[in-house]
Amino acid sequence: MKKIRKLFEGGDFAAASNALDIFLKENPNDTEALLLKGKTLCKLKKYEDALIFLLNAFEKQKTPETEGELGACYYYLKKYNDAQIHLIS
């Protein structure tokens, strides 16, 4: 995950996304990887795909970070009521 996070932080979102696909095949319930995959897909403007990973991460670990990322994704999808629920709570 350390190398993947470095790709993400360096702005190489396509490479990070590909690496996360491989990582998640072996670790499908890794909350950190699910969250990072959602964040990566948001950076690539693939919001519908990102939502799946962010919802999965949020179901596994309801933290302010997962909720905020989920709310932001809903906002980008123009689902403002859903965004408001997660961004205000």
PDB file of N, CA and C in Angstrom:
ATOM      1  N   MET A   1       0.820  -1.200   0.000  1.00  0.00           N
ATOM      2  CA  MET A   1       0.000   0.000   0.000  1.00  0.00           C
ATOM      3  C   MET A   1       0.869   1.272   0.000  1.00  0.00           C
ATOM      4  N   LYS A   2       2.043   1.163   0.577  1.00  0.00           N
ATOM      5  CA  LYS A   2       2.908   2.345   0.662  1.00  0.00           C
ATOM      6  C   LYS A   2       3.265   2.873  -0.734  1.00  0.00           C
ATOM      7  N   LYS A   3       3.609   1.972  -1.656  1.00  0.00           N
ATOM      8  CA  LYS A   3       3.950   2.387  -3.022  1.00  0.00           C
ATOM      9  C   LYS A   3       2.728   2.961  -3.734  1.00  0.00           C
ATOM     10  N   ILE A   4       1.577   2.372  -3.471  1.00  0.00           N
ATOM     11  CA  ILE A   4       0.337   2.848  -4.101  1.00  0.00           C
ATOM     12  C   ILE A   4       0.002   4.248  -3.602  1.00  0.00           C
ATOM     13  N   ARG A   5       0.132   4.432  -2.303  1.00  0.00           N
ATOM     14  CA  ARG A   5      -0.146   5.757  -1.733  1.00  0.00           C
ATOM     15  C   ARG A   5       0.810   6.799  -2.316  1.00  0.00           C
ATOM     16  N   LYS A   6       2.061   6.392  -2.545  1.00  0.00           N
ATOM     17  CA  LYS A   6       3.045   7.301  -3.128  1.00  0.00           C
ATOM     18  C   LYS A   6       2.635   7.689  -4.549  1.00  0.00           C
ATOM     19  N   LEU A   7       2.128   6.737  -5.324  1.00  0.00           N
ATOM     20  CA  LEU A   7       1.637   7.041  -6.676  1.00  0.00           C
ATOM     21  C   LEU A   7       0.503   8.059  -6.608  1.00  0.00           C
ATOM     22  N   PHE A   8      -0.425   7.825  -5.678  1.00  0.00           N
ATOM     23  CA  PHE A   8      -1.566   8.732  -5.513  1.00  0.00           C
ATOM     24  C   PHE A   8      -1.084  10.132  -5.131  1.00  0.00           C
ATOM     25  N   GLU A   9      -0.224  10.192  -4.117  1.00  0.00           N
ATOM     26  CA  GLU A   9       0.264  11.492  -3.642  1.00  0.00           C
ATOM     27  C   GLU A   9       1.099  12.203  -4.700  1.00  0.00           C
ATOM     28  N   GLY A  10       1.719  11.436  -5.602  1.00  0.00           N
ATOM     29  CA  GLY A  10       2.497  12.023  -6.685  1.00  0.00           C
ATOM     30  C   GLY A  10       1.648  12.423  -7.880  1.00  0.00           C
ATOM     31  N   GLY A  11       0.348  12.152  -7.809  1.00  0.00           N
ATOM     32  CA  GLY A  11      -0.556  12.557  -8.875  1.00  0.00           C
ATOM     33  C   GLY A  11      -0.671  11.576 -10.025  1.00  0.00           C
ATOM     34  N   ASP A  12      -0.081  10.398  -9.875  1.00  0.00           N
ATOM     35  CA  ASP A  12      -0.174   9.380 -10.927  1.00  0.00           C
ATOM     36  C   ASP A  12      -1.403   8.505 -10.649  1.00  0.00           C
ATOM     37  N   PHE A  13      -2.557   9.087 -10.884  1.00  0.00           N
ATOM     38  CA  PHE A  13      -3.817   8.441 -10.496  1.00  0.00           C
ATOM     39  C   PHE A  13      -4.129   7.204 -11.325  1.00  0.00           C
ATOM     40  N   ALA A  14      -3.773   7.200 -12.592  1.00  0.00           N
ATOM     41  CA  ALA A  14      -4.026   6.016 -13.427  1.00  0.00           C
ATOM     42  C   ALA A  14      -3.208   4.829 -12.924  1.00  0.00           C
ATOM     43  N   ALA A  15      -1.938   5.063 -12.623  1.00  0.00           N
ATOM     44  CA  ALA A  15      -1.084   3.983 -12.111  1.00  0.00           C
ATOM     45  C   ALA A  15      -1.557   3.527 -10.733  1.00  0.00           C
ATOM     46  N   ALA A  16      -1.954   4.473  -9.904  1.00  0.00           N
ATOM     47  CA  ALA A  16      -2.471   4.121  -8.573  1.00  0.00           C
ATOM     48  C   ALA A  16      -3.736   3.276  -8.699  1.00  0.00           C
ATOM     49  N   SER A  17      -4.600   3.644  -9.617  1.00  0.00           N
ATOM     50  CA  SER A  17      -5.840   2.895  -9.835  1.00  0.00           C
ATOM     51  C   SER A  17      -5.546   1.469 -10.276  1.00  0.00           C
ATOM     52  N   ASN A  18      -4.620   1.312 -11.210  1.00  0.00           N
ATOM     53  CA  ASN A  18      -4.249  -0.028 -11.677  1.00  0.00           C
ATOM     54  C   ASN A  18      -3.636  -0.863 -10.558  1.00  0.00           C
ATOM     55  N   ALA A  19      -2.762  -0.260  -9.773  1.00  0.00           N
ATOM     56  CA  ALA A  19      -2.130  -0.964  -8.653  1.00  0.00           C
ATOM     57  C   ALA A  19      -3.170  -1.355  -7.602  1.00  0.00           C
ATOM     58  N   LEU A  20      -4.135  -0.483  -7.380  1.00  0.00           N
ATOM     59  CA  LEU A  20      -5.198  -0.789  -6.420  1.00  0.00           C
ATOM     60  C   LEU A  20      -6.080  -1.939  -6.899  1.00  0.00           C
ATOM     61  N   ASP A  21      -6.315  -2.016  -8.193  1.00  0.00           N
ATOM     62  CA  ASP A  21      -7.080  -3.144  -8.737  1.00  0.00           C
ATOM     63  C   ASP A  21      -6.406  -4.464  -8.380  1.00  0.00           C
ATOM     64  N   ILE A  22      -5.107  -4.511  -8.562  1.00  0.00           N
ATOM     65  CA  ILE A  22      -4.342  -5.724  -8.256  1.00  0.00           C
ATOM     66  C   ILE A  22      -4.384  -6.006  -6.754  1.00  0.00           C
ATOM     67  N   PHE A  23      -4.147  -4.976  -5.955  1.00  0.00           N
ATOM     68  CA  PHE A  23      -4.137  -5.133  -4.501  1.00  0.00           C
ATOM     69  C   PHE A  23      -5.492  -5.610  -3.989  1.00  0.00           C
ATOM     70  N   LEU A  24      -6.569  -5.023  -4.521  1.00  0.00           N
ATOM     71  CA  LEU A  24      -7.914  -5.355  -4.037  1.00  0.00           C
ATOM     72  C   LEU A  24      -8.365  -6.756  -4.470  1.00  0.00           C
ATOM     73  N   LYS A  25      -7.785  -7.302  -5.514  1.00  0.00           N
ATOM     74  CA  LYS A  25      -8.117  -8.683  -5.886  1.00  0.00           C
ATOM     75  C   LYS A  25      -7.704  -9.644  -4.782  1.00  0.00           C
ATOM     76  N   GLU A  26      -6.594  -9.346  -4.129  1.00  0.00           N
ATOM     77  CA  GLU A  26      -6.105 -10.200  -3.049  1.00  0.00           C
ATOM     78  C   GLU A  26      -6.593  -9.748  -1.679  1.00  0.00           C
ATOM     79  N   ASN A  27      -7.027  -8.506  -1.578  1.00  0.00           N
ATOM     80  CA  ASN A  27      -7.457  -7.931  -0.290  1.00  0.00           C
ATOM     81  C   ASN A  27      -8.770  -7.173  -0.472  1.00  0.00           C
ATOM     82  N   PRO A  28      -9.851  -7.866  -0.838  1.00  0.00           N
ATOM     83  CA  PRO A  28     -11.096  -7.176  -1.199  1.00  0.00           C
ATOM     84  C   PRO A  28     -11.777  -6.411  -0.064  1.00  0.00           C
ATOM     85  N   ASN A  29     -11.397  -6.691   1.162  1.00  0.00           N
ATOM     86  CA  ASN A  29     -12.040  -6.024   2.296  1.00  0.00           C
ATOM     87  C   ASN A  29     -11.148  -5.011   2.977  1.00  0.00           C
ATOM     88  N   ASP A  30     -10.048  -4.642   2.353  1.00  0.00           N
ATOM     89  CA  ASP A  30      -9.123  -3.677   2.932  1.00  0.00           C
ATOM     90  C   ASP A  30      -9.726  -2.275   2.823  1.00  0.00           C
ATOM     91  N   THR A  31     -10.140  -1.752   3.940  1.00  0.00           N
ATOM     92  CA  THR A  31     -10.843  -0.467   3.963  1.00  0.00           C
ATOM     93  C   THR A  31      -9.977   0.669   3.435  1.00  0.00           C
ATOM     94  N   GLU A  32      -8.712   0.686   3.800  1.00  0.00           N
ATOM     95  CA  GLU A  32      -7.812   1.742   3.326  1.00  0.00           C
ATOM     96  C   GLU A  32      -7.709   1.714   1.802  1.00  0.00           C
ATOM     97  N   ALA A  33      -7.587   0.521   1.235  1.00  0.00           N
ATOM     98  CA  ALA A  33      -7.476   0.385  -0.220  1.00  0.00           C
ATOM     99  C   ALA A  33      -8.776   0.766  -0.913  1.00  0.00           C
ATOM    100  N   LEU A  34      -9.913   0.378  -0.329  1.00  0.00           N
ATOM    101  CA  LEU A  34     -11.214   0.739  -0.900  1.00  0.00           C
ATOM    102  C   LEU A  34     -11.388   2.254  -0.928  1.00  0.00           C
ATOM    103  N   LEU A  35     -11.031   2.885   0.173  1.00  0.00           N
ATOM    104  CA  LEU A  35     -11.143   4.342   0.258  1.00  0.00           C
ATOM    105  C   LEU A  35     -10.212   5.012  -0.750  1.00  0.00           C
ATOM    106  N   LEU A  36      -8.977   4.537  -0.819  1.00  0.00           N
ATOM    107  CA  LEU A  36      -8.022   5.135  -1.747  1.00  0.00           C
ATOM    108  C   LEU A  36      -8.443   4.910  -3.198  1.00  0.00           C
ATOM    109  N   LYS A  37      -9.030   3.757  -3.496  1.00  0.00           N
ATOM    110  CA  LYS A  37      -9.519   3.494  -4.855  1.00  0.00           C
ATOM    111  C   LYS A  37     -10.643   4.487  -5.191  1.00  0.00           C
ATOM    112  N   GLY A  38     -11.548   4.718  -4.242  1.00  0.00           N
ATOM    113  CA  GLY A  38     -12.610   5.696  -4.461  1.00  0.00           C
ATOM    114  C   GLY A  38     -12.067   7.094  -4.677  1.00  0.00           C
ATOM    115  N   LYS A  39     -11.105   7.486  -3.861  1.00  0.00           N
ATOM    116  CA  LYS A  39     -10.504   8.809  -4.002  1.00  0.00           C
ATOM    117  C   LYS A  39      -9.779   8.935  -5.342  1.00  0.00           C
ATOM    118  N   THR A  40      -9.096   7.851  -5.746  1.00  0.00           N
ATOM    119  CA  THR A  40      -8.370   7.850  -7.014  1.00  0.00           C
ATOM    120  C   THR A  40      -9.330   7.995  -8.188  1.00  0.00           C
ATOM    121  N   LEU A  41     -10.421   7.260  -8.153  1.00  0.00           N
ATOM    122  CA  LEU A  41     -11.406   7.349  -9.230  1.00  0.00           C
ATOM    123  C   LEU A  41     -12.050   8.734  -9.274  1.00  0.00           C
ATOM    124  N   CYS A  42     -12.225   9.360  -8.124  1.00  0.00           N
ATOM    125  CA  CYS A  42     -12.740  10.740  -8.111  1.00  0.00           C
ATOM    126  C   CYS A  42     -11.748  11.676  -8.800  1.00  0.00           C
ATOM    127  N   LYS A  43     -10.472  11.495  -8.534  1.00  0.00           N
ATOM    128  CA  LYS A  43      -9.454  12.329  -9.188  1.00  0.00           C
ATOM    129  C   LYS A  43      -9.473  12.130 -10.703  1.00  0.00           C
ATOM    130  N   LEU A  44      -9.861  10.909 -11.131  1.00  0.00           N
ATOM    131  CA  LEU A  44      -9.959  10.608 -12.563  1.00  0.00           C
ATOM    132  C   LEU A  44     -11.337  10.975 -13.128  1.00  0.00           C
ATOM    133  N   LYS A  45     -12.177  11.594 -12.279  1.00  0.00           N
ATOM    134  CA  LYS A  45     -13.530  12.027 -12.645  1.00  0.00           C
ATOM    135  C   LYS A  45     -14.442  10.853 -13.047  1.00  0.00           C
ATOM    136  N   LYS A  46     -14.208   9.710 -12.437  1.00  0.00           N
ATOM    137  CA  LYS A  46     -15.044   8.517 -12.641  1.00  0.00           C
ATOM    138  C   LYS A  46     -15.896   8.340 -11.391  1.00  0.00           C
ATOM    139  N   TYR A  47     -16.815   9.286 -11.227  1.00  0.00           N
ATOM    140  CA  TYR A  47     -17.561   9.384  -9.975  1.00  0.00           C
ATOM    141  C   TYR A  47     -18.493   8.208  -9.714  1.00  0.00           C
ATOM    142  N   GLU A  48     -19.157   7.702 -10.739  1.00  0.00           N
ATOM    143  CA  GLU A  48     -20.054   6.553 -10.540  1.00  0.00           C
ATOM    144  C   GLU A  48     -19.266   5.343 -10.046  1.00  0.00           C
ATOM    145  N   ASP A  49     -18.105   5.111 -10.641  1.00  0.00           N
ATOM    146  CA  ASP A  49     -17.255   3.997 -10.210  1.00  0.00           C
ATOM    147  C   ASP A  49     -16.724   4.248  -8.802  1.00  0.00           C
ATOM    148  N   ALA A  50     -16.334   5.470  -8.537  1.00  0.00           N
ATOM    149  CA  ALA A  50     -15.806   5.824  -7.223  1.00  0.00           C
ATOM    150  C   ALA A  50     -16.833   5.582  -6.127  1.00  0.00           C
ATOM    151  N   LEU A  51     -18.074   5.886  -6.432  1.00  0.00           N
ATOM    152  CA  LEU A  51     -19.137   5.748  -5.438  1.00  0.00           C
ATOM    153  C   LEU A  51     -19.228   4.324  -4.903  1.00  0.00           C
ATOM    154  N   ILE A  52     -19.048   3.345  -5.758  1.00  0.00           N
ATOM    155  CA  ILE A  52     -19.114   1.940  -5.339  1.00  0.00           C
ATOM    156  C   ILE A  52     -18.051   1.651  -4.277  1.00  0.00           C
ATOM    157  N   PHE A  53     -16.830   2.095  -4.527  1.00  0.00           N
ATOM    158  CA  PHE A  53     -15.738   1.842  -3.580  1.00  0.00           C
ATOM    159  C   PHE A  53     -15.910   2.653  -2.298  1.00  0.00           C
ATOM    160  N   LEU A  54     -16.367   3.885  -2.433  1.00  0.00           N
ATOM    161  CA  LEU A  54     -16.552   4.729  -1.244  1.00  0.00           C
ATOM    162  C   LEU A  54     -17.684   4.212  -0.364  1.00  0.00           C
ATOM    163  N   LEU A  55     -18.756   3.737  -0.973  1.00  0.00           N
ATOM    164  CA  LEU A  55     -19.845   3.152  -0.181  1.00  0.00           C
ATOM    165  C   LEU A  55     -19.363   1.905   0.552  1.00  0.00           C
ATOM    166  N   ASN A  56     -18.587   1.089  -0.135  1.00  0.00           N
ATOM    167  CA  ASN A  56     -18.052  -0.123   0.478  1.00  0.00           C
ATOM    168  C   ASN A  56     -17.129   0.223   1.649  1.00  0.00           C
ATOM    169  N   ALA A  57     -16.261   1.196   1.459  1.00  0.00           N
ATOM    170  CA  ALA A  57     -15.364   1.626   2.533  1.00  0.00           C
ATOM    171  C   ALA A  57     -16.158   2.183   3.704  1.00  0.00           C
ATOM    172  N   PHE A  58     -17.189   2.980   3.407  1.00  0.00           N
ATOM    173  CA  PHE A  58     -18.005   3.597   4.460  1.00  0.00           C
ATOM    174  C   PHE A  58     -18.776   2.544   5.249  1.00  0.00           C
ATOM    175  N   GLU A  59     -19.264   1.509   4.583  1.00  0.00           N
ATOM    176  CA  GLU A  59     -19.966   0.434   5.278  1.00  0.00           C
ATOM    177  C   GLU A  59     -19.036  -0.294   6.248  1.00  0.00           C
ATOM    178  N   LYS A  60     -17.778  -0.431   5.872  1.00  0.00           N
ATOM    179  CA  LYS A  60     -16.820  -1.153   6.693  1.00  0.00           C
ATOM    180  C   LYS A  60     -16.252  -0.297   7.828  1.00  0.00           C
ATOM    181  N   GLN A  61     -16.124   0.996   7.582  1.00  0.00           N
ATOM    182  CA  GLN A  61     -15.511   1.873   8.576  1.00  0.00           C
ATOM    183  C   GLN A  61     -16.084   3.282   8.456  1.00  0.00           C
ATOM    184  N   LYS A  62     -16.991   3.592   9.327  1.00  0.00           N
ATOM    185  CA  LYS A  62     -17.642   4.901   9.300  1.00  0.00           C
ATOM    186  C   LYS A  62     -16.767   5.916  10.060  1.00  0.00           C
ATOM    187  N   THR A  63     -15.864   6.550   9.314  1.00  0.00           N
ATOM    188  CA  THR A  63     -14.994   7.568   9.895  1.00  0.00           C
ATOM    189  C   THR A  63     -15.327   8.909   9.237  1.00  0.00           C
ATOM    190  N   PRO A  64     -14.881  10.008   9.834  1.00  0.00           N
ATOM    191  CA  PRO A  64     -15.103  11.302   9.190  1.00  0.00           C
ATOM    192  C   PRO A  64     -14.507  11.362   7.777  1.00  0.00           C
ATOM    193  N   GLU A  65     -13.356  10.709   7.566  1.00  0.00           N
ATOM    194  CA  GLU A  65     -12.734  10.733   6.243  1.00  0.00           C
ATOM    195  C   GLU A  65     -13.583   9.988   5.213  1.00  0.00           C
ATOM    196  N   THR A  66     -14.029   8.776   5.558  1.00  0.00           N
ATOM    197  CA  THR A  66     -14.826   8.028   4.581  1.00  0.00           C
ATOM    198  C   THR A  66     -16.149   8.743   4.310  1.00  0.00           C
ATOM    199  N   GLU A  67     -16.735   9.306   5.341  1.00  0.00           N
ATOM    200  CA  GLU A  67     -18.001  10.013   5.148  1.00  0.00           C
ATOM    201  C   GLU A  67     -17.816  11.276   4.316  1.00  0.00           C
ATOM    202  N   GLY A  68     -16.738  11.998   4.549  1.00  0.00           N
ATOM    203  CA  GLY A  68     -16.469  13.209   3.777  1.00  0.00           C
ATOM    204  C   GLY A  68     -16.216  12.910   2.308  1.00  0.00           C
ATOM    205  N   GLU A  69     -15.440  11.869   2.037  1.00  0.00           N
ATOM    206  CA  GLU A  69     -15.170  11.486   0.649  1.00  0.00           C
ATOM    207  C   GLU A  69     -16.449  11.030  -0.043  1.00  0.00           C
ATOM    208  N   LEU A  70     -17.271  10.299   0.680  1.00  0.00           N
ATOM    209  CA  LEU A  70     -18.552   9.847   0.131  1.00  0.00           C
ATOM    210  C   LEU A  70     -19.445  11.045  -0.184  1.00  0.00           C
ATOM    211  N   GLY A  71     -19.516  11.994   0.729  1.00  0.00           N
ATOM    212  CA  GLY A  71     -20.311  13.197   0.502  1.00  0.00           C
ATOM    213  C   GLY A  71     -19.817  13.998  -0.691  1.00  0.00           C
ATOM    214  N   ALA A  72     -18.506  14.115  -0.824  1.00  0.00           N
ATOM    215  CA  ALA A  72     -17.936  14.844  -1.958  1.00  0.00           C
ATOM    216  C   ALA A  72     -18.276  14.154  -3.276  1.00  0.00           C
ATOM    217  N   CYS A  73     -18.206  12.832  -3.281  1.00  0.00           N
ATOM    218  CA  CYS A  73     -18.531  12.084  -4.498  1.00  0.00           C
ATOM    219  C   CYS A  73     -19.989  12.296  -4.894  1.00  0.00           C
ATOM    220  N   TYR A  74     -20.885  12.233  -3.912  1.00  0.00           N
ATOM    221  CA  TYR A  74     -22.296  12.507  -4.203  1.00  0.00           C
ATOM    222  C   TYR A  74     -22.458  13.920  -4.777  1.00  0.00           C
ATOM    223  N   TYR A  75     -21.727  14.862  -4.231  1.00  0.00           N
ATOM    224  CA  TYR A  75     -21.790  16.237  -4.722  1.00  0.00           C
ATOM    225  C   TYR A  75     -21.372  16.313  -6.196  1.00  0.00           C
ATOM    226  N   TYR A  76     -20.264  15.658  -6.530  1.00  0.00           N
ATOM    227  CA  TYR A  76     -19.794  15.668  -7.927  1.00  0.00           C
ATOM    228  C   TYR A  76     -20.808  15.014  -8.867  1.00  0.00           C
ATOM    229  N   LEU A  77     -21.578  14.077  -8.324  1.00  0.00           N
ATOM    230  CA  LEU A  77     -22.622  13.418  -9.125  1.00  0.00           C
ATOM    231  C   LEU A  77     -23.922  14.229  -9.154  1.00  0.00           C
ATOM    232  N   LYS A  78     -23.895  15.395  -8.518  1.00  0.00           N
ATOM    233  CA  LYS A  78     -25.057  16.285  -8.428  1.00  0.00           C
ATOM    234  C   LYS A  78     -26.213  15.646  -7.658  1.00  0.00           C
ATOM    235  N   LYS A  79     -25.870  14.770  -6.729  1.00  0.00           N
ATOM    236  CA  LYS A  79     -26.848  14.155  -5.824  1.00  0.00           C
ATOM    237  C   LYS A  79     -26.743  14.921  -4.505  1.00  0.00           C
ATOM    238  N   TYR A  80     -27.274  16.119  -4.555  1.00  0.00           N
ATOM    239  CA  TYR A  80     -27.042  17.070  -3.474  1.00  0.00           C
ATOM    240  C   TYR A  80     -27.667  16.665  -2.145  1.00  0.00           C
ATOM    241  N   ASN A  81     -28.829  16.039  -2.170  1.00  0.00           N
ATOM    242  CA  ASN A  81     -29.434  15.599  -0.909  1.00  0.00           C
ATOM    243  C   ASN A  81     -28.560  14.557  -0.220  1.00  0.00           C
ATOM    244  N   ASP A  82     -28.068  13.587  -0.998  1.00  0.00           N
ATOM    245  CA  ASP A  82     -27.180  12.576  -0.428  1.00  0.00           C
ATOM    246  C   ASP A  82     -25.864  13.213   0.047  1.00  0.00           C
ATOM    247  N   ALA A  83     -25.356  14.149  -0.724  1.00  0.00           N
ATOM    248  CA  ALA A  83     -24.117  14.835  -0.344  1.00  0.00           C
ATOM    249  C   ALA A  83     -24.298  15.557   0.983  1.00  0.00           C
ATOM    250  N   GLN A  84     -25.408  16.235   1.123  1.00  0.00           N
ATOM    251  CA  GLN A  84     -25.664  17.016   2.331  1.00  0.00           C
ATOM    252  C   GLN A  84     -25.695  16.121   3.572  1.00  0.00           C
ATOM    253  N   ILE A  85     -26.284  14.944   3.430  1.00  0.00           N
ATOM    254  CA  ILE A  85     -26.354  14.013   4.566  1.00  0.00           C
ATOM    255  C   ILE A  85     -24.962  13.682   5.075  1.00  0.00           C
ATOM    256  N   HIS A  86     -24.031  13.471   4.175  1.00  0.00           N
ATOM    257  CA  HIS A  86     -22.694  13.026   4.579  1.00  0.00           C
ATOM    258  C   HIS A  86     -21.737  14.183   4.862  1.00  0.00           C
ATOM    259  N   LEU A  87     -21.998  15.326   4.292  1.00  0.00           N
ATOM    260  CA  LEU A  87     -21.092  16.448   4.507  1.00  0.00           C
ATOM    261  C   LEU A  87     -21.447  17.263   5.746  1.00  0.00           C
ATOM    262  N   ILE A  88     -22.671  17.175   6.192  1.00  0.00           N
ATOM    263  CA  ILE A  88     -23.099  17.976   7.344  1.00  0.00           C
ATOM    264  C   ILE A  88     -23.051  17.188   8.635  1.00  0.00           C
ATOM    265  N   SER A  89     -23.250  15.871   8.560  1.00  0.00           N
ATOM    266  CA  SER A  89     -23.333  15.077   9.794  1.00  0.00           C
ATOM    267  C   SER A  89     -22.018  14.937  10.509  1.00  0.00           C
TER     268      SER A  89
END
